[in-house]
Each structure stands twice: as structure tokens, then as C-alpha cells.
């Protein structure tokens, strides 16, 4: 019998003890705009005259939060535009129509495609090139009016799967192995690559670009959602701080999959108790040298926090839409 059967009866009492709001830690940064991002923006602007259509790629878990409006306004004004919500396998599929309706109503985004770059049979992958070609043929291309090929440019915040999308498109349309290096961390791509062929018929090319973070993220809440999805390097915000925010959010939104996944007796709102429990259960320790030269072992909270984040990001806690509490909100959370 799962733990959830035992604690459901006392859940109302547990919820009374949960925090009503999250107190963001002082001096934790959710602003990250290193030099390669500024350089990348200039490179993107220089290539824009060669581009027929722009694809904004974003993490489907946070479709409302954290997208970079500066980039969108710069590139979308004069070009056909598609919003690609990647990693859609990490959220419940029933939310897709709600997300599309919310984005169309708030931002007048007309072309939204959900993709899973890890699944060759994902219908969204073929739809990307099909929709882009359709929009380009319906639009005046001016300086590229005689071109028979299509140039697309991907952009978005870090670690949303831009390079993975390009590799997936090549695999689907050309049966080619990946051409771009990918990793589950922010900041791997640092320059705009030369165009990469992803489809033969029609001839479609893509420019990969570095992830560009908004230099001024609106709120700490948005920053924490980005950090939860690894759009920041974990150490910039602090693993334990991100786990504390996630624990608060999961409890508030009644996403209790972490309880059974971690083997807890019941939901908890105390991040210290949670991490200590994980350290004990998984034998996570670190040795610290004292001034007298002796070593003592202590619980390794950082390693426990890293394990928690890894399990959340790999859906061990279930498929979770982090922005589900914002879908009905009229507030601009960019």
C-alpha cells in the first residue's frame, strides 16, 4: 500500500501548516546575462536579414513565465513567427489546448507547436517545417524573394532544447545523426552557428543560437521557475533555494508525487527536514576538516538538493506544468 493512502486522511490538517507564501532568499541571483549572451544577440541581429522565419523555443513546463520579450519584439515584428513549446512530454497533455488559448488571448500568438525532441515520431517535429514553409510562402521575403530555400532561426532562453530540436528535425527529415552538441544544462551554445540543413524537400536550413536570458527578469518567482527548469545554472541561485521553492509550489498546487517517489511518510513543508531525510536514506555525507586536523561527517544537503532537482526534472514526481497556476491569471509574468 502506498504512503499516499495513509496520509490522505490527514492532508487537510497538513495543509494548514504549509506556507501561504514563499519568502525568497536574500542575495540570491535570478539575473544572468554573461558576455556571450550580449555577443550572441549582436550575431543574431546580423544574421536576421538572411532569415525567413523565426522560431521561439521555450520549455513547455513554463509557457507563460520567463520568455524573453526583448528578443521577441526584435525579431518577430518583421518575420513570420512560430512559438515552439519543447519538452511537451514533461507536462500532462490535457493542458496543451488551455496553454494555446491563453497565449493566443494574452499575446496574440497564432502559431504554437508542441514538440518532444527525444521522440522521432512526435507529430510536432514535422509540423514545424511544414508550418514554417507555409508561413514563408504567404509572406513577402523582400531581399530573399528569389531564394528557393528557407532559412529559419531558433531563439529562446537557455536550456529549452534549441539544439536538440535542430538535431531532431535532421533526424526526422534527413535520417541524419545529431550535428550539435547538447547537454542538460544552461549555456552550452555560446555563438550563432552557420546554417544547418534540416530538410531536403523543401530545402530548410536553421541557424542555432545561444540561449539569451532577459537581462531584467520581472520577479523572483519567474526566476525561480526558470531555475527549476534549469534555464539558470543551479549554483547561481543555489540548489537548496530552488528545492525550497519547488517544495512550496508542489504543496501549494497539490502535486504530491514527490512523497511516494522519495519514500516519505507524508508531505512536508520543511526543506531542511526533507533534505536531511534524503541524506539519511541515500547515505549522502561530506567530510569537513576541523582546525585540529580531524575530519567529521555531516549530511550533504547540496547533493540531496541536486538529487531532488534531478528527480523533478526527469518526471519522477509526475508530469508537472509549473505555470498551471498562471493560466487564468491576467498578470504579465514575462
C-alpha atoms as a PDB file:
ATOM      1  CA  UNK A   1       0.000   0.000   0.000  1.00  0.00           C
ATOM      2  CA  UNK A   2       1.395   3.397  -0.994  1.00  0.00           C
ATOM      3  CA  UNK A   3       2.115   6.056   1.592  1.00  0.00           C
ATOM      4  CA  UNK A   4      -0.452   8.347  -0.061  1.00  0.00           C
ATOM      5  CA  UNK A   5      -3.291   6.098   1.102  1.00  0.00           C
ATOM      6  CA  UNK A   6      -2.187   6.599   4.702  1.00  0.00           C
ATOM      7  CA  UNK A   7      -1.707  10.369   4.718  1.00  0.00           C
ATOM      8  CA  UNK A   8      -4.677  11.442   2.576  1.00  0.00           C
ATOM      9  CA  UNK A   9      -6.901  11.429   5.648  1.00  0.00           C
ATOM     10  CA  UNK A  10      -4.699  13.943   7.466  1.00  0.00           C
ATOM     11  CA  UNK A  11      -3.954  16.120   4.399  1.00  0.00           C
ATOM     12  CA  UNK A  12      -6.375  18.917   5.448  1.00  0.00           C
ATOM     13  CA  UNK A  13      -4.514  19.272   8.736  1.00  0.00           C
ATOM     14  CA  UNK A  14      -1.144  19.143   6.993  1.00  0.00           C
ATOM     15  CA  UNK A  15      -2.153  21.891   4.573  1.00  0.00           C
ATOM     16  CA  UNK A  16      -2.974  24.207   7.461  1.00  0.00           C
ATOM     17  CA  UNK A  17       0.705  24.071   8.420  1.00  0.00           C
ATOM     18  CA  UNK A  18       2.009  24.760   4.919  1.00  0.00           C
ATOM     19  CA  UNK A  19       3.313  28.207   3.995  1.00  0.00           C
ATOM     20  CA  UNK A  20       0.851  30.578   2.341  1.00  0.00           C
ATOM     21  CA  UNK A  21       3.593  32.463   0.545  1.00  0.00           C
ATOM     22  CA  UNK A  22       7.219  31.878  -0.305  1.00  0.00           C
ATOM     23  CA  UNK A  23       9.836  34.158   1.212  1.00  0.00           C
ATOM     24  CA  UNK A  24      12.535  34.500  -1.376  1.00  0.00           C
ATOM     25  CA  UNK A  25      16.077  34.254  -0.042  1.00  0.00           C
ATOM     26  CA  UNK A  26      18.069  37.466   0.112  1.00  0.00           C
ATOM     27  CA  UNK A  27      21.084  37.945  -2.133  1.00  0.00           C
ATOM     28  CA  UNK A  28      20.109  35.080  -4.422  1.00  0.00           C
ATOM     29  CA  UNK A  29      20.526  35.977  -8.074  1.00  0.00           C
ATOM     30  CA  UNK A  30      17.967  35.228 -10.729  1.00  0.00           C
ATOM     31  CA  UNK A  31      19.689  37.593 -13.159  1.00  0.00           C
ATOM     32  CA  UNK A  32      22.176  36.020 -15.543  1.00  0.00           C
ATOM     33  CA  UNK A  33      23.432  37.762 -18.669  1.00  0.00           C
ATOM     34  CA  UNK A  34      27.075  36.795 -19.308  1.00  0.00           C
ATOM     35  CA  UNK A  35      29.114  38.270 -22.134  1.00  0.00           C
ATOM     36  CA  UNK A  36      28.379  35.506 -24.626  1.00  0.00           C
ATOM     37  CA  UNK A  37      24.661  36.395 -24.490  1.00  0.00           C
ATOM     38  CA  UNK A  38      25.321  40.007 -25.497  1.00  0.00           C
ATOM     39  CA  UNK A  39      27.639  38.790 -28.249  1.00  0.00           C
ATOM     40  CA  UNK A  40      25.017  36.273 -29.340  1.00  0.00           C
ATOM     41  CA  UNK A  41      22.338  38.962 -29.660  1.00  0.00           C
ATOM     42  CA  UNK A  42      24.581  41.010 -31.945  1.00  0.00           C
ATOM     43  CA  UNK A  43      25.328  37.954 -34.072  1.00  0.00           C
ATOM     44  CA  UNK A  44      21.630  37.160 -34.324  1.00  0.00           C
ATOM     45  CA  UNK A  45      20.801  40.707 -35.408  1.00  0.00           C
ATOM     46  CA  UNK A  46      23.489  40.500 -38.104  1.00  0.00           C
ATOM     47  CA  UNK A  47      22.004  37.263 -39.479  1.00  0.00           C
ATOM     48  CA  UNK A  48      18.419  38.465 -39.381  1.00  0.00           C
ATOM     49  CA  UNK A  49      18.381  39.717 -42.961  1.00  0.00           C
ATOM     50  CA  UNK A  50      19.071  36.140 -44.098  1.00  0.00           C
ATOM     51  CA  UNK A  51      16.198  34.696 -42.047  1.00  0.00           C
ATOM     52  CA  UNK A  52      12.738  33.942 -43.464  1.00  0.00           C
ATOM     53  CA  UNK A  53      11.015  32.748 -40.278  1.00  0.00           C
ATOM     54  CA  UNK A  54      11.863  32.794 -36.565  1.00  0.00           C
ATOM     55  CA  UNK A  55      11.146  30.010 -34.102  1.00  0.00           C
ATOM     56  CA  UNK A  56      10.989  30.882 -30.436  1.00  0.00           C
ATOM     57  CA  UNK A  57      11.698  27.693 -28.483  1.00  0.00           C
ATOM     58  CA  UNK A  58      10.599  27.546 -24.865  1.00  0.00           C
ATOM     59  CA  UNK A  59      10.121  24.960 -22.142  1.00  0.00           C
ATOM     60  CA  UNK A  60       6.539  23.645 -22.159  1.00  0.00           C
ATOM     61  CA  UNK A  61       6.576  23.445 -18.347  1.00  0.00           C
ATOM     62  CA  UNK A  62       6.725  27.256 -18.131  1.00  0.00           C
ATOM     63  CA  UNK A  63       4.903  28.513 -21.255  1.00  0.00           C
ATOM     64  CA  UNK A  64       3.917  31.790 -19.588  1.00  0.00           C
ATOM     65  CA  UNK A  65       6.989  32.518 -17.461  1.00  0.00           C
ATOM     66  CA  UNK A  66      10.405  33.715 -18.475  1.00  0.00           C
ATOM     67  CA  UNK A  67      10.234  34.134 -22.230  1.00  0.00           C
ATOM     68  CA  UNK A  68      12.477  36.973 -23.390  1.00  0.00           C
ATOM     69  CA  UNK A  69      10.243  39.820 -24.652  1.00  0.00           C
ATOM     70  CA  UNK A  70      13.247  41.838 -25.870  1.00  0.00           C
ATOM     71  CA  UNK A  71      14.147  39.116 -28.346  1.00  0.00           C
ATOM     72  CA  UNK A  72      10.551  38.537 -29.361  1.00  0.00           C
ATOM     73  CA  UNK A  73       9.954  42.217 -30.111  1.00  0.00           C
ATOM     74  CA  UNK A  74      13.252  42.487 -32.004  1.00  0.00           C
ATOM     75  CA  UNK A  75      12.749  39.501 -34.269  1.00  0.00           C
ATOM     76  CA  UNK A  76       9.033  38.916 -34.599  1.00  0.00           C
ATOM     77  CA  UNK A  77       7.975  42.339 -35.847  1.00  0.00           C
ATOM     78  CA  UNK A  78       9.025  41.786 -39.453  1.00  0.00           C
ATOM     79  CA  UNK A  79       9.219  37.994 -39.769  1.00  0.00           C
ATOM     80  CA  UNK A  80       6.819  35.041 -39.661  1.00  0.00           C
ATOM     81  CA  UNK A  81       6.892  33.662 -36.130  1.00  0.00           C
ATOM     82  CA  UNK A  82       6.212  30.285 -34.509  1.00  0.00           C
ATOM     83  CA  UNK A  83       6.341  29.537 -30.790  1.00  0.00           C
ATOM     84  CA  UNK A  84       7.657  26.010 -30.238  1.00  0.00           C
ATOM     85  CA  UNK A  85       6.939  24.650 -26.764  1.00  0.00           C
ATOM     86  CA  UNK A  86       9.522  21.905 -26.410  1.00  0.00           C
ATOM     87  CA  UNK A  87       9.749  19.144 -23.792  1.00  0.00           C
ATOM     88  CA  UNK A  88       5.981  18.680 -24.004  1.00  0.00           C
ATOM     89  CA  UNK A  89       6.465  15.112 -22.748  1.00  0.00           C
ATOM     90  CA  UNK A  90       7.157  16.612 -19.303  1.00  0.00           C
ATOM     91  CA  UNK A  91       3.643  18.068 -18.867  1.00  0.00           C
ATOM     92  CA  UNK A  92       0.169  16.478 -18.882  1.00  0.00           C
ATOM     93  CA  UNK A  93      -1.056  16.534 -22.496  1.00  0.00           C
ATOM     94  CA  UNK A  94      -4.528  17.744 -21.491  1.00  0.00           C
ATOM     95  CA  UNK A  95      -3.097  21.201 -20.750  1.00  0.00           C
ATOM     96  CA  UNK A  96      -1.981  21.861 -24.331  1.00  0.00           C
ATOM     97  CA  UNK A  97      -5.246  23.372 -25.552  1.00  0.00           C
ATOM     98  CA  UNK A  98      -5.507  25.567 -22.433  1.00  0.00           C
ATOM     99  CA  UNK A  99      -1.961  26.843 -22.951  1.00  0.00           C
ATOM    100  CA  UNK A 100      -2.646  27.653 -26.604  1.00  0.00           C
ATOM    101  CA  UNK A 101      -5.837  29.531 -25.754  1.00  0.00           C
ATOM    102  CA  UNK A 102      -4.114  31.537 -23.003  1.00  0.00           C
ATOM    103  CA  UNK A 103      -1.189  32.548 -25.213  1.00  0.00           C
ATOM    104  CA  UNK A 104      -3.453  33.498 -28.118  1.00  0.00           C
ATOM    105  CA  UNK A 105      -5.662  35.604 -25.878  1.00  0.00           C
ATOM    106  CA  UNK A 106      -2.849  37.354 -23.985  1.00  0.00           C
ATOM    107  CA  UNK A 107      -0.159  37.749 -26.603  1.00  0.00           C
ATOM    108  CA  UNK A 108      -1.986  37.119 -29.875  1.00  0.00           C
ATOM    109  CA  UNK A 109       0.365  34.240 -30.692  1.00  0.00           C
ATOM    110  CA  UNK A 110      -1.277  32.463 -33.599  1.00  0.00           C
ATOM    111  CA  UNK A 111       1.171  29.671 -34.323  1.00  0.00           C
ATOM    112  CA  UNK A 112       2.067  27.384 -31.397  1.00  0.00           C
ATOM    113  CA  UNK A 113       3.540  23.889 -31.779  1.00  0.00           C
ATOM    114  CA  UNK A 114       4.303  21.368 -29.030  1.00  0.00           C
ATOM    115  CA  UNK A 115       7.356  19.179 -29.550  1.00  0.00           C
ATOM    116  CA  UNK A 116       9.278  16.385 -27.887  1.00  0.00           C
ATOM    117  CA  UNK A 117      12.774  16.396 -29.375  1.00  0.00           C
ATOM    118  CA  UNK A 118      13.525  12.962 -27.908  1.00  0.00           C
ATOM    119  CA  UNK A 119      10.722  11.235 -29.830  1.00  0.00           C
ATOM    120  CA  UNK A 120      11.197  10.814 -33.582  1.00  0.00           C
ATOM    121  CA  UNK A 121       7.500  10.105 -34.068  1.00  0.00           C
ATOM    122  CA  UNK A 122       6.391  13.334 -32.363  1.00  0.00           C
ATOM    123  CA  UNK A 123       3.942  14.940 -34.845  1.00  0.00           C
ATOM    124  CA  UNK A 124       5.070  18.416 -33.802  1.00  0.00           C
ATOM    125  CA  UNK A 125       8.511  17.885 -35.344  1.00  0.00           C
ATOM    126  CA  UNK A 126       7.141  17.527 -38.875  1.00  0.00           C
ATOM    127  CA  UNK A 127       4.674  20.311 -38.225  1.00  0.00           C
ATOM    128  CA  UNK A 128       7.487  22.795 -37.506  1.00  0.00           C
ATOM    129  CA  UNK A 129       8.973  22.712 -41.018  1.00  0.00           C
ATOM    130  CA  UNK A 130       5.548  22.363 -42.660  1.00  0.00           C
ATOM    131  CA  UNK A 131       4.112  25.383 -40.849  1.00  0.00           C
ATOM    132  CA  UNK A 132       7.259  27.467 -41.390  1.00  0.00           C
ATOM    133  CA  UNK A 133       7.255  26.766 -45.142  1.00  0.00           C
ATOM    134  CA  UNK A 134       3.580  27.698 -45.330  1.00  0.00           C
ATOM    135  CA  UNK A 135       4.083  30.999 -43.499  1.00  0.00           C
ATOM    136  CA  UNK A 136       7.122  31.912 -45.599  1.00  0.00           C
ATOM    137  CA  UNK A 137       5.313  31.331 -48.901  1.00  0.00           C
ATOM    138  CA  UNK A 138       2.472  33.559 -47.695  1.00  0.00           C
ATOM    139  CA  UNK A 139       4.853  36.395 -46.746  1.00  0.00           C
ATOM    140  CA  UNK A 140       6.900  38.858 -48.792  1.00  0.00           C
ATOM    141  CA  UNK A 141      10.588  37.925 -48.447  1.00  0.00           C
ATOM    142  CA  UNK A 142      11.999  41.129 -49.971  1.00  0.00           C
ATOM    143  CA  UNK A 143      15.792  40.584 -50.242  1.00  0.00           C
ATOM    144  CA  UNK A 144      15.294  36.793 -50.463  1.00  0.00           C
ATOM    145  CA  UNK A 145      12.356  36.825 -52.864  1.00  0.00           C
ATOM    146  CA  UNK A 146      14.230  34.721 -55.448  1.00  0.00           C
ATOM    147  CA  UNK A 147      15.555  32.160 -52.970  1.00  0.00           C
ATOM    148  CA  UNK A 148      14.280  28.604 -53.312  1.00  0.00           C
ATOM    149  CA  UNK A 149      15.409  27.534 -49.846  1.00  0.00           C
ATOM    150  CA  UNK A 150      14.026  28.532 -46.447  1.00  0.00           C
ATOM    151  CA  UNK A 151      16.142  29.912 -43.618  1.00  0.00           C
ATOM    152  CA  UNK A 152      14.838  29.642 -40.067  1.00  0.00           C
ATOM    153  CA  UNK A 153      16.385  30.943 -36.858  1.00  0.00           C
ATOM    154  CA  UNK A 154      15.715  29.492 -33.405  1.00  0.00           C
ATOM    155  CA  UNK A 155      15.946  31.644 -30.300  1.00  0.00           C
ATOM    156  CA  UNK A 156      14.944  31.413 -26.664  1.00  0.00           C
ATOM    157  CA  UNK A 157      16.228  31.340 -23.104  1.00  0.00           C
ATOM    158  CA  UNK A 158      18.942  28.807 -22.166  1.00  0.00           C
ATOM    159  CA  UNK A 159      18.354  25.062 -21.921  1.00  0.00           C
ATOM    160  CA  UNK A 160      14.946  24.841 -23.582  1.00  0.00           C
ATOM    161  CA  UNK A 161      16.163  22.392 -26.226  1.00  0.00           C
ATOM    162  CA  UNK A 162      17.033  24.570 -29.224  1.00  0.00           C
ATOM    163  CA  UNK A 163      19.977  22.429 -30.331  1.00  0.00           C
ATOM    164  CA  UNK A 164      18.046  19.251 -29.521  1.00  0.00           C
ATOM    165  CA  UNK A 165      15.201  20.455 -31.747  1.00  0.00           C
ATOM    166  CA  UNK A 166      17.580  21.002 -34.663  1.00  0.00           C
ATOM    167  CA  UNK A 167      19.089  17.539 -34.184  1.00  0.00           C
ATOM    168  CA  UNK A 168      15.599  16.035 -34.019  1.00  0.00           C
ATOM    169  CA  UNK A 169      14.467  17.794 -37.195  1.00  0.00           C
ATOM    170  CA  UNK A 170      17.514  16.476 -39.054  1.00  0.00           C
ATOM    171  CA  UNK A 171      16.747  13.006 -37.768  1.00  0.00           C
ATOM    172  CA  UNK A 172      13.094  13.124 -38.822  1.00  0.00           C
ATOM    173  CA  UNK A 173      13.559  14.664 -42.254  1.00  0.00           C
ATOM    174  CA  UNK A 174      17.037  13.516 -43.294  1.00  0.00           C
ATOM    175  CA  UNK A 175      17.706  10.439 -41.139  1.00  0.00           C
ATOM    176  CA  UNK A 176      20.939  12.119 -40.064  1.00  0.00           C
ATOM    177  CA  UNK A 177      22.617  11.812 -36.691  1.00  0.00           C
ATOM    178  CA  UNK A 178      22.854  14.810 -34.447  1.00  0.00           C
ATOM    179  CA  UNK A 179      25.128  17.603 -35.592  1.00  0.00           C
ATOM    180  CA  UNK A 180      25.022  19.825 -32.496  1.00  0.00           C
ATOM    181  CA  UNK A 181      26.284  19.043 -29.019  1.00  0.00           C
ATOM    182  CA  UNK A 182      23.609  19.088 -26.329  1.00  0.00           C
ATOM    183  CA  UNK A 183      23.662  18.844 -22.530  1.00  0.00           C
ATOM    184  CA  UNK A 184      21.060  19.147 -19.733  1.00  0.00           C
ATOM    185  CA  UNK A 185      22.488  22.445 -18.507  1.00  0.00           C
ATOM    186  CA  UNK A 186      22.288  26.089 -19.462  1.00  0.00           C
ATOM    187  CA  UNK A 187      24.876  27.957 -21.518  1.00  0.00           C
ATOM    188  CA  UNK A 188      26.353  25.243 -23.762  1.00  0.00           C
ATOM    189  CA  UNK A 189      25.782  27.065 -27.086  1.00  0.00           C
ATOM    190  CA  UNK A 190      27.681  30.362 -27.000  1.00  0.00           C
ATOM    191  CA  UNK A 191      27.665  31.544 -30.630  1.00  0.00           C
ATOM    192  CA  UNK A 192      25.341  31.667 -33.614  1.00  0.00           C
ATOM    193  CA  UNK A 193      26.200  28.680 -35.803  1.00  0.00           C
ATOM    194  CA  UNK A 194      26.264  28.743 -39.582  1.00  0.00           C
ATOM    195  CA  UNK A 195      23.056  27.462 -41.086  1.00  0.00           C
ATOM    196  CA  UNK A 196      22.356  23.759 -40.734  1.00  0.00           C
ATOM    197  CA  UNK A 197      20.277  21.805 -43.231  1.00  0.00           C
ATOM    198  CA  UNK A 198      17.352  20.051 -41.540  1.00  0.00           C
ATOM    199  CA  UNK A 199      15.155  19.114 -44.516  1.00  0.00           C
ATOM    200  CA  UNK A 200      15.723  18.363 -48.209  1.00  0.00           C
ATOM    201  CA  UNK A 201      12.226  18.821 -49.615  1.00  0.00           C
ATOM    202  CA  UNK A 202      11.641  21.647 -49.209  1.00  0.00           C
ATOM    203  CA  UNK A 203      15.198  22.796 -48.542  1.00  0.00           C
ATOM    204  CA  UNK A 204      15.074  24.118 -44.982  1.00  0.00           C
ATOM    205  CA  UNK A 205      18.038  25.452 -43.041  1.00  0.00           C
ATOM    206  CA  UNK A 206      18.263  26.502 -39.406  1.00  0.00           C
ATOM    207  CA  UNK A 207      20.527  28.880 -37.508  1.00  0.00           C
ATOM    208  CA  UNK A 208      21.184  27.697 -33.944  1.00  0.00           C
ATOM    209  CA  UNK A 209      21.721  30.465 -31.410  1.00  0.00           C
ATOM    210  CA  UNK A 210      22.870  30.767 -27.789  1.00  0.00           C
ATOM    211  CA  UNK A 211      20.215  30.973 -25.118  1.00  0.00           C
ATOM    212  CA  UNK A 212      19.556  34.621 -24.303  1.00  0.00           C
ATOM    213  CA  UNK A 213      18.150  35.405 -20.875  1.00  0.00           C
ATOM    214  CA  UNK A 214      16.153  38.547 -20.239  1.00  0.00           C
ATOM    215  CA  UNK A 215      18.657  40.904 -18.504  1.00  0.00           C
ATOM    216  CA  UNK A 216      15.888  42.053 -16.161  1.00  0.00           C
ATOM    217  CA  UNK A 217      13.651  39.190 -15.084  1.00  0.00           C
ATOM    218  CA  UNK A 218      10.398  40.654 -13.795  1.00  0.00           C
ATOM    219  CA  UNK A 219      10.113  38.841 -10.452  1.00  0.00           C
ATOM    220  CA  UNK A 220      11.930  36.361  -8.252  1.00  0.00           C
ATOM    221  CA  UNK A 221       9.013  33.993  -8.796  1.00  0.00           C
ATOM    222  CA  UNK A 222       9.669  33.923 -12.543  1.00  0.00           C
ATOM    223  CA  UNK A 223      13.378  33.494 -11.843  1.00  0.00           C
ATOM    224  CA  UNK A 224      12.711  30.508  -9.593  1.00  0.00           C
ATOM    225  CA  UNK A 225      10.528  28.851 -12.231  1.00  0.00           C
ATOM    226  CA  UNK A 226      13.310  29.268 -14.773  1.00  0.00           C
ATOM    227  CA  UNK A 227      15.808  27.898 -12.260  1.00  0.00           C
ATOM    228  CA  UNK A 228      13.535  24.921 -11.544  1.00  0.00           C
ATOM    229  CA  UNK A 229      13.674  24.032 -15.241  1.00  0.00           C
ATOM    230  CA  UNK A 230      17.486  24.511 -15.345  1.00  0.00           C
ATOM    231  CA  UNK A 231      17.451  27.642 -17.503  1.00  0.00           C
ATOM    232  CA  UNK A 232      19.911  29.013 -14.931  1.00  0.00           C
ATOM    233  CA  UNK A 233      22.992  27.171 -13.818  1.00  0.00           C
ATOM    234  CA  UNK A 234      21.932  25.680 -10.487  1.00  0.00           C
ATOM    235  CA  UNK A 235      24.757  27.167  -8.458  1.00  0.00           C
ATOM    236  CA  UNK A 236      23.810  30.726  -9.436  1.00  0.00           C
ATOM    237  CA  UNK A 237      20.604  30.551  -7.432  1.00  0.00           C
ATOM    238  CA  UNK A 238      21.615  27.755  -5.073  1.00  0.00           C
ATOM    239  CA  UNK A 239      20.298  24.207  -5.279  1.00  0.00           C
ATOM    240  CA  UNK A 240      18.763  24.269  -1.804  1.00  0.00           C
ATOM    241  CA  UNK A 241      16.920  27.518  -2.520  1.00  0.00           C
ATOM    242  CA  UNK A 242      15.444  26.101  -5.729  1.00  0.00           C
ATOM    243  CA  UNK A 243      14.361  22.938  -3.903  1.00  0.00           C
ATOM    244  CA  UNK A 244      12.717  25.037  -1.175  1.00  0.00           C
ATOM    245  CA  UNK A 245      10.760  26.975  -3.819  1.00  0.00           C
ATOM    246  CA  UNK A 246       9.746  23.790  -5.609  1.00  0.00           C
ATOM    247  CA  UNK A 247       8.627  22.192  -2.357  1.00  0.00           C
ATOM    248  CA  UNK A 248       6.460  25.221  -1.626  1.00  0.00           C
ATOM    249  CA  UNK A 249       5.000  25.197  -5.161  1.00  0.00           C
ATOM    250  CA  UNK A 250       4.327  21.441  -5.190  1.00  0.00           C
ATOM    251  CA  UNK A 251       2.461  21.611  -1.890  1.00  0.00           C
ATOM    252  CA  UNK A 252       0.509  24.727  -2.838  1.00  0.00           C
ATOM    253  CA  UNK A 253      -0.622  23.143  -6.108  1.00  0.00           C
ATOM    254  CA  UNK A 254      -1.253  19.735  -4.549  1.00  0.00           C
ATOM    255  CA  UNK A 255       1.370  17.959  -6.627  1.00  0.00           C
ATOM    256  CA  UNK A 256       2.364  15.327  -4.082  1.00  0.00           C
ATOM    257  CA  UNK A 257       4.150  12.867  -6.361  1.00  0.00           C
ATOM    258  CA  UNK A 258       7.402  13.602  -4.543  1.00  0.00           C
ATOM    259  CA  UNK A 259       6.082  11.921  -1.388  1.00  0.00           C
ATOM    260  CA  UNK A 260       5.937   8.381  -2.776  1.00  0.00           C
ATOM    261  CA  UNK A 261       8.913   8.935  -5.084  1.00  0.00           C
ATOM    262  CA  UNK A 262      11.167   9.824  -2.151  1.00  0.00           C
ATOM    263  CA  UNK A 263       9.586   7.354   0.269  1.00  0.00           C
ATOM    264  CA  UNK A 264       8.285   9.985   2.684  1.00  0.00           C
ATOM    265  CA  UNK A 265       5.601   9.211   5.220  1.00  0.00           C
ATOM    266  CA  UNK A 266       3.618  12.329   4.274  1.00  0.00           C
ATOM    267  CA  UNK A 267       4.041  15.695   2.504  1.00  0.00           C
ATOM    268  CA  UNK A 268       6.374  18.121   4.239  1.00  0.00           C
ATOM    269  CA  UNK A 269       6.848  21.868   4.015  1.00  0.00           C
ATOM    270  CA  UNK A 270      10.225  21.882   5.749  1.00  0.00           C
ATOM    271  CA  UNK A 271      13.079  21.775   3.249  1.00  0.00           C
ATOM    272  CA  UNK A 272      15.695  21.088   5.936  1.00  0.00           C
ATOM    273  CA  UNK A 273      13.811  18.033   7.175  1.00  0.00           C
ATOM    274  CA  UNK A 274      13.312  16.871   3.582  1.00  0.00           C
ATOM    275  CA  UNK A 275      16.990  17.141   2.653  1.00  0.00           C
ATOM    276  CA  UNK A 276      18.118  15.573   5.914  1.00  0.00           C
ATOM    277  CA  UNK A 277      15.792  12.627   5.257  1.00  0.00           C
ATOM    278  CA  UNK A 278      17.246  12.207   1.752  1.00  0.00           C
ATOM    279  CA  UNK A 279      20.786  12.317   3.157  1.00  0.00           C
ATOM    280  CA  UNK A 280      19.989   9.552   5.629  1.00  0.00           C
ATOM    281  CA  UNK A 281      18.106   7.385   3.137  1.00  0.00           C
ATOM    282  CA  UNK A 282      20.733   7.718   0.414  1.00  0.00           C
ATOM    283  CA  UNK A 283      23.821   7.891   2.603  1.00  0.00           C
ATOM    284  CA  UNK A 284      24.791  11.356   1.349  1.00  0.00           C
ATOM    285  CA  UNK A 285      27.632  12.668   3.502  1.00  0.00           C
ATOM    286  CA  UNK A 286      30.546  15.043   3.237  1.00  0.00           C
ATOM    287  CA  UNK A 287      33.680  15.254   5.322  1.00  0.00           C
ATOM    288  CA  UNK A 288      34.751  18.566   6.793  1.00  0.00           C
ATOM    289  CA  UNK A 289      38.187  19.130   8.247  1.00  0.00           C
ATOM    290  CA  UNK A 290      38.300  20.911  11.588  1.00  0.00           C
ATOM    291  CA  UNK A 291      41.060  23.210  12.851  1.00  0.00           C
ATOM    292  CA  UNK A 292      42.598  20.377  14.892  1.00  0.00           C
ATOM    293  CA  UNK A 293      43.106  18.356  11.701  1.00  0.00           C
ATOM    294  CA  UNK A 294      40.341  15.848  12.341  1.00  0.00           C
ATOM    295  CA  UNK A 295      37.527  15.140   9.941  1.00  0.00           C
ATOM    296  CA  UNK A 296      33.851  14.849  10.751  1.00  0.00           C
ATOM    297  CA  UNK A 297      30.999  13.713   8.561  1.00  0.00           C
ATOM    298  CA  UNK A 298      27.919  15.860   8.004  1.00  0.00           C
ATOM    299  CA  UNK A 299      24.778  15.445   5.880  1.00  0.00           C
ATOM    300  CA  UNK A 300      25.460  16.582   2.302  1.00  0.00           C
ATOM    301  CA  UNK A 301      22.468  18.842   1.741  1.00  0.00           C
ATOM    302  CA  UNK A 302      23.801  20.097  -1.596  1.00  0.00           C
ATOM    303  CA  UNK A 303      23.972  16.573  -3.039  1.00  0.00           C
ATOM    304  CA  UNK A 304      20.489  15.844  -1.694  1.00  0.00           C
ATOM    305  CA  UNK A 305      19.167  19.023  -3.334  1.00  0.00           C
ATOM    306  CA  UNK A 306      20.796  18.045  -6.624  1.00  0.00           C
ATOM    307  CA  UNK A 307      19.110  14.624  -6.422  1.00  0.00           C
ATOM    308  CA  UNK A 308      15.736  16.258  -5.728  1.00  0.00           C
ATOM    309  CA  UNK A 309      16.085  18.574  -8.739  1.00  0.00           C
ATOM    310  CA  UNK A 310      17.153  15.682 -10.949  1.00  0.00           C
ATOM    311  CA  UNK A 311      14.101  13.661  -9.951  1.00  0.00           C
ATOM    312  CA  UNK A 312      11.753  16.589 -10.528  1.00  0.00           C
ATOM    313  CA  UNK A 313      13.241  17.327 -13.949  1.00  0.00           C
ATOM    314  CA  UNK A 314      13.041  13.679 -15.029  1.00  0.00           C
ATOM    315  CA  UNK A 315       9.315  13.454 -14.084  1.00  0.00           C
ATOM    316  CA  UNK A 316       9.894  11.048 -11.200  1.00  0.00           C
ATOM    317  CA  UNK A 317       7.420  13.231  -9.305  1.00  0.00           C
ATOM    318  CA  UNK A 318       4.992  13.084 -12.219  1.00  0.00           C
ATOM    319  CA  UNK A 319       4.369  15.294 -15.236  1.00  0.00           C
ATOM    320  CA  UNK A 320       4.054  18.821 -13.892  1.00  0.00           C
ATOM    321  CA  UNK A 321       3.094  22.107 -15.544  1.00  0.00           C
ATOM    322  CA  UNK A 322       4.819  24.735 -13.408  1.00  0.00           C
ATOM    323  CA  UNK A 323       2.727  27.550 -14.874  1.00  0.00           C
ATOM    324  CA  UNK A 324      -0.660  25.932 -14.356  1.00  0.00           C
ATOM    325  CA  UNK A 325      -1.402  28.400 -11.567  1.00  0.00           C
ATOM    326  CA  UNK A 326      -0.809  31.260 -14.032  1.00  0.00           C
ATOM    327  CA  UNK A 327      -3.013  30.142 -16.909  1.00  0.00           C
ATOM    328  CA  UNK A 328      -6.019  32.012 -15.563  1.00  0.00           C
ATOM    329  CA  UNK A 329      -4.009  34.973 -14.317  1.00  0.00           C
ATOM    330  CA  UNK A 330      -4.244  38.239 -16.277  1.00  0.00           C
ATOM    331  CA  UNK A 331      -0.888  39.394 -14.912  1.00  0.00           C
ATOM    332  CA  UNK A 332       2.025  39.795 -17.341  1.00  0.00           C
ATOM    333  CA  UNK A 333       4.756  37.487 -15.984  1.00  0.00           C
ATOM    334  CA  UNK A 334       7.378  37.842 -18.732  1.00  0.00           C
END
